[in-house]
Amino acid sequence: MSERLRDYFYRFRKLLKRGGNWLMWIYVVVLIFVAAGSVSALIEGSRWGPDVLIITSRSAETGLEALIFGVSVTMGFLGVFLIHRGTSTSSKRVANMYILGGLALLAVGMAISGWLTYLKV
């Protein structure tokens, strides 16, 4: 292995240790981007034209639909994260607030997703 490549791997490993969880957050953002259907929106949504906001078909979606679904997925992710934080907190009042906030975010995310599904069918 060359000296330059070894130095690159050393710096990358050092950056991972020092930077904390930035790689995990990049992974989460890419996962939400893909789960929201933005790849489908880029490929098939552009065929319908720019004047269509919501395509009434399950086989294709527009960029706006992918954005709305991405917000819904993000709200659900944050809701589950808050519920998880509520189970590891020692104060009962703070734990209840975390759990109630997480359930509320989860419910709103599911409602937005259901509303979008209702409009597509």
C-alpha atoms as a PDB file:
ATOM      1  CA  MET A   1       0.000   0.000   0.000  1.00  0.00           C
ATOM      2  CA  SER A   2       1.395   3.370  -0.915  1.00  0.00           C
ATOM      3  CA  GLU A   3       2.274   6.003   1.639  1.00  0.00           C
ATOM      4  CA  ARG A   4      -0.319   8.414   0.287  1.00  0.00           C
ATOM      5  CA  LEU A   5      -3.151   5.877   0.556  1.00  0.00           C
ATOM      6  CA  ARG A   6      -2.086   4.865   4.062  1.00  0.00           C
ATOM      7  CA  ASP A   7      -2.052   8.544   5.086  1.00  0.00           C
ATOM      8  CA  TYR A   8      -5.530   9.028   3.602  1.00  0.00           C
ATOM      9  CA  PHE A   9      -6.953   6.080   5.571  1.00  0.00           C
ATOM     10  CA  TYR A  10      -5.266   7.321   8.742  1.00  0.00           C
ATOM     11  CA  ARG A  11      -6.780  10.795   8.365  1.00  0.00           C
ATOM     12  CA  PHE A  12     -10.215   9.363   7.574  1.00  0.00           C
ATOM     13  CA  ARG A  13     -10.131   7.092  10.650  1.00  0.00           C
ATOM     14  CA  LYS A  14      -8.981  10.021  12.805  1.00  0.00           C
ATOM     15  CA  LEU A  15     -11.792  12.192  11.430  1.00  0.00           C
ATOM     16  CA  LEU A  16     -14.363   9.496  12.203  1.00  0.00           C
ATOM     17  CA  LYS A  17     -13.175   9.240  15.797  1.00  0.00           C
ATOM     18  CA  ARG A  18     -13.034  12.988  16.353  1.00  0.00           C
ATOM     19  CA  GLY A  19     -16.144  14.001  14.421  1.00  0.00           C
ATOM     20  CA  GLY A  20     -18.562  11.875  16.415  1.00  0.00           C
ATOM     21  CA  ASN A  21     -21.721  10.720  14.679  1.00  0.00           C
ATOM     22  CA  TRP A  22     -21.665  12.828  11.528  1.00  0.00           C
ATOM     23  CA  LEU A  23     -21.440   9.743   9.328  1.00  0.00           C
ATOM     24  CA  MET A  24     -24.532   8.296  10.986  1.00  0.00           C
ATOM     25  CA  TRP A  25     -26.484  11.508  10.304  1.00  0.00           C
ATOM     26  CA  ILE A  26     -25.423  11.497   6.657  1.00  0.00           C
ATOM     27  CA  TYR A  27     -26.669   7.906   6.450  1.00  0.00           C
ATOM     28  CA  VAL A  28     -30.008   8.895   8.040  1.00  0.00           C
ATOM     29  CA  VAL A  29     -30.461  11.818   5.608  1.00  0.00           C
ATOM     30  CA  VAL A  30     -29.695   9.608   2.595  1.00  0.00           C
ATOM     31  CA  LEU A  31     -32.058   6.919   3.933  1.00  0.00           C
ATOM     32  CA  ILE A  32     -34.893   9.438   4.332  1.00  0.00           C
ATOM     33  CA  PHE A  33     -34.145  10.858   0.861  1.00  0.00           C
ATOM     34  CA  VAL A  34     -34.427   7.417  -0.712  1.00  0.00           C
ATOM     35  CA  ALA A  35     -37.396   6.287   1.426  1.00  0.00           C
ATOM     36  CA  ALA A  36     -39.329   9.404   0.487  1.00  0.00           C
ATOM     37  CA  GLY A  37     -39.349   8.309  -3.126  1.00  0.00           C
ATOM     38  CA  SER A  38     -37.268  11.141  -4.467  1.00  0.00           C
ATOM     39  CA  VAL A  39     -35.511   8.846  -6.932  1.00  0.00           C
ATOM     40  CA  SER A  40     -38.894   7.887  -8.395  1.00  0.00           C
ATOM     41  CA  ALA A  41     -39.875  11.536  -8.461  1.00  0.00           C
ATOM     42  CA  LEU A  42     -36.743  12.440 -10.376  1.00  0.00           C
ATOM     43  CA  ILE A  43     -37.179   9.621 -12.896  1.00  0.00           C
ATOM     44  CA  GLU A  44     -40.928   9.320 -13.433  1.00  0.00           C
ATOM     45  CA  GLY A  45     -42.383  12.526 -12.023  1.00  0.00           C
ATOM     46  CA  SER A  46     -40.772  14.705 -14.640  1.00  0.00           C
ATOM     47  CA  ARG A  47     -42.693  12.904 -17.418  1.00  0.00           C
ATOM     48  CA  TRP A  48     -46.012  14.343 -16.264  1.00  0.00           C
ATOM     49  CA  GLY A  49     -44.970  17.961 -16.660  1.00  0.00           C
ATOM     50  CA  PRO A  50     -44.361  20.822 -14.245  1.00  0.00           C
ATOM     51  CA  ASP A  51     -48.035  21.817 -13.868  1.00  0.00           C
ATOM     52  CA  VAL A  52     -49.069  18.562 -12.102  1.00  0.00           C
ATOM     53  CA  LEU A  53     -48.672  18.763  -8.306  1.00  0.00           C
ATOM     54  CA  ILE A  54     -49.961  15.311  -7.278  1.00  0.00           C
ATOM     55  CA  ILE A  55     -50.131  12.347  -9.644  1.00  0.00           C
ATOM     56  CA  THR A  56     -53.157  10.137  -8.952  1.00  0.00           C
ATOM     57  CA  SER A  57     -51.228   6.948  -9.568  1.00  0.00           C
ATOM     58  CA  ARG A  58     -49.183   4.772  -7.239  1.00  0.00           C
ATOM     59  CA  SER A  59     -46.566   4.097  -9.890  1.00  0.00           C
ATOM     60  CA  ALA A  60     -45.220   7.658 -10.109  1.00  0.00           C
ATOM     61  CA  GLU A  61     -44.870  10.716  -7.929  1.00  0.00           C
ATOM     62  CA  THR A  62     -43.793  14.323  -8.240  1.00  0.00           C
ATOM     63  CA  GLY A  63     -41.133  16.181  -6.326  1.00  0.00           C
ATOM     64  CA  LEU A  64     -43.779  17.788  -4.100  1.00  0.00           C
ATOM     65  CA  GLU A  65     -45.127  14.377  -3.100  1.00  0.00           C
ATOM     66  CA  ALA A  66     -41.599  13.182  -2.307  1.00  0.00           C
ATOM     67  CA  LEU A  67     -41.028  16.289  -0.194  1.00  0.00           C
ATOM     68  CA  ILE A  68     -44.287  15.824   1.725  1.00  0.00           C
ATOM     69  CA  PHE A  69     -43.575  12.146   2.301  1.00  0.00           C
ATOM     70  CA  GLY A  70     -40.011  12.996   3.346  1.00  0.00           C
ATOM     71  CA  VAL A  71     -41.355  15.404   5.966  1.00  0.00           C
ATOM     72  CA  SER A  72     -43.729  12.673   7.133  1.00  0.00           C
ATOM     73  CA  VAL A  73     -40.913  10.130   7.437  1.00  0.00           C
ATOM     74  CA  THR A  74     -38.743  12.671   9.274  1.00  0.00           C
ATOM     75  CA  MET A  75     -41.545  13.413  11.743  1.00  0.00           C
ATOM     76  CA  GLY A  76     -42.000   9.703  12.365  1.00  0.00           C
ATOM     77  CA  PHE A  77     -38.257   9.243  12.854  1.00  0.00           C
ATOM     78  CA  LEU A  78     -38.115  12.112  15.347  1.00  0.00           C
ATOM     79  CA  GLY A  79     -41.202  10.773  17.128  1.00  0.00           C
ATOM     80  CA  VAL A  80     -39.638   7.365  17.608  1.00  0.00           C
ATOM     81  CA  PHE A  81     -36.398   9.023  18.731  1.00  0.00           C
ATOM     82  CA  LEU A  82     -38.280  11.078  21.353  1.00  0.00           C
ATOM     83  CA  ILE A  83     -40.066   7.964  22.609  1.00  0.00           C
ATOM     84  CA  HIS A  84     -36.689   6.248  22.901  1.00  0.00           C
ATOM     85  CA  ARG A  85     -35.294   9.229  24.847  1.00  0.00           C
ATOM     86  CA  GLY A  86     -38.315   9.134  27.136  1.00  0.00           C
ATOM     87  CA  THR A  87     -37.624   5.557  28.139  1.00  0.00           C
ATOM     88  CA  SER A  88     -34.057   6.357  29.208  1.00  0.00           C
ATOM     89  CA  THR A  89     -34.777   9.466  31.303  1.00  0.00           C
ATOM     90  CA  SER A  90     -34.806   9.175  35.091  1.00  0.00           C
ATOM     91  CA  SER A  91     -37.336  11.952  35.775  1.00  0.00           C
ATOM     92  CA  LYS A  92     -40.899  10.724  35.324  1.00  0.00           C
ATOM     93  CA  ARG A  93     -42.237  14.128  34.278  1.00  0.00           C
ATOM     94  CA  VAL A  94     -39.568  14.631  31.613  1.00  0.00           C
ATOM     95  CA  ALA A  95     -40.047  11.041  30.420  1.00  0.00           C
ATOM     96  CA  ASN A  96     -43.791  11.617  30.036  1.00  0.00           C
ATOM     97  CA  MET A  97     -43.152  14.800  28.034  1.00  0.00           C
ATOM     98  CA  TYR A  98     -40.733  13.002  25.723  1.00  0.00           C
ATOM     99  CA  ILE A  99     -43.141  10.117  25.191  1.00  0.00           C
ATOM    100  CA  LEU A 100     -46.175  12.368  24.613  1.00  0.00           C
ATOM    101  CA  GLY A 101     -44.213  14.576  22.215  1.00  0.00           C
ATOM    102  CA  GLY A 102     -42.934  11.512  20.379  1.00  0.00           C
ATOM    103  CA  LEU A 103     -46.411  10.021  20.079  1.00  0.00           C
ATOM    104  CA  ALA A 104     -47.762  13.356  18.831  1.00  0.00           C
ATOM    105  CA  LEU A 105     -45.041  13.655  16.172  1.00  0.00           C
ATOM    106  CA  LEU A 106     -45.583  10.044  15.155  1.00  0.00           C
ATOM    107  CA  ALA A 107     -49.345  10.607  14.848  1.00  0.00           C
ATOM    108  CA  VAL A 108     -48.902  13.772  12.766  1.00  0.00           C
ATOM    109  CA  GLY A 109     -46.404  12.017  10.482  1.00  0.00           C
ATOM    110  CA  MET A 110     -48.792   9.105   9.994  1.00  0.00           C
ATOM    111  CA  ALA A 111     -51.688  11.488   9.327  1.00  0.00           C
ATOM    112  CA  ILE A 112     -49.708  13.332   6.657  1.00  0.00           C
ATOM    113  CA  SER A 113     -48.736  10.045   5.040  1.00  0.00           C
ATOM    114  CA  GLY A 114     -52.337   8.823   5.124  1.00  0.00           C
ATOM    115  CA  TRP A 115     -53.584  12.100   3.647  1.00  0.00           C
ATOM    116  CA  LEU A 116     -51.094  11.800   0.778  1.00  0.00           C
ATOM    117  CA  THR A 117     -52.118   8.193   0.167  1.00  0.00           C
ATOM    118  CA  TYR A 118     -55.790   9.250   0.153  1.00  0.00           C
ATOM    119  CA  LEU A 119     -55.050  11.882  -2.494  1.00  0.00           C
ATOM    120  CA  LYS A 120     -53.161   9.399  -4.667  1.00  0.00           C
ATOM    121  CA  VAL A 121     -55.867   6.728  -4.711  1.00  0.00           C
END
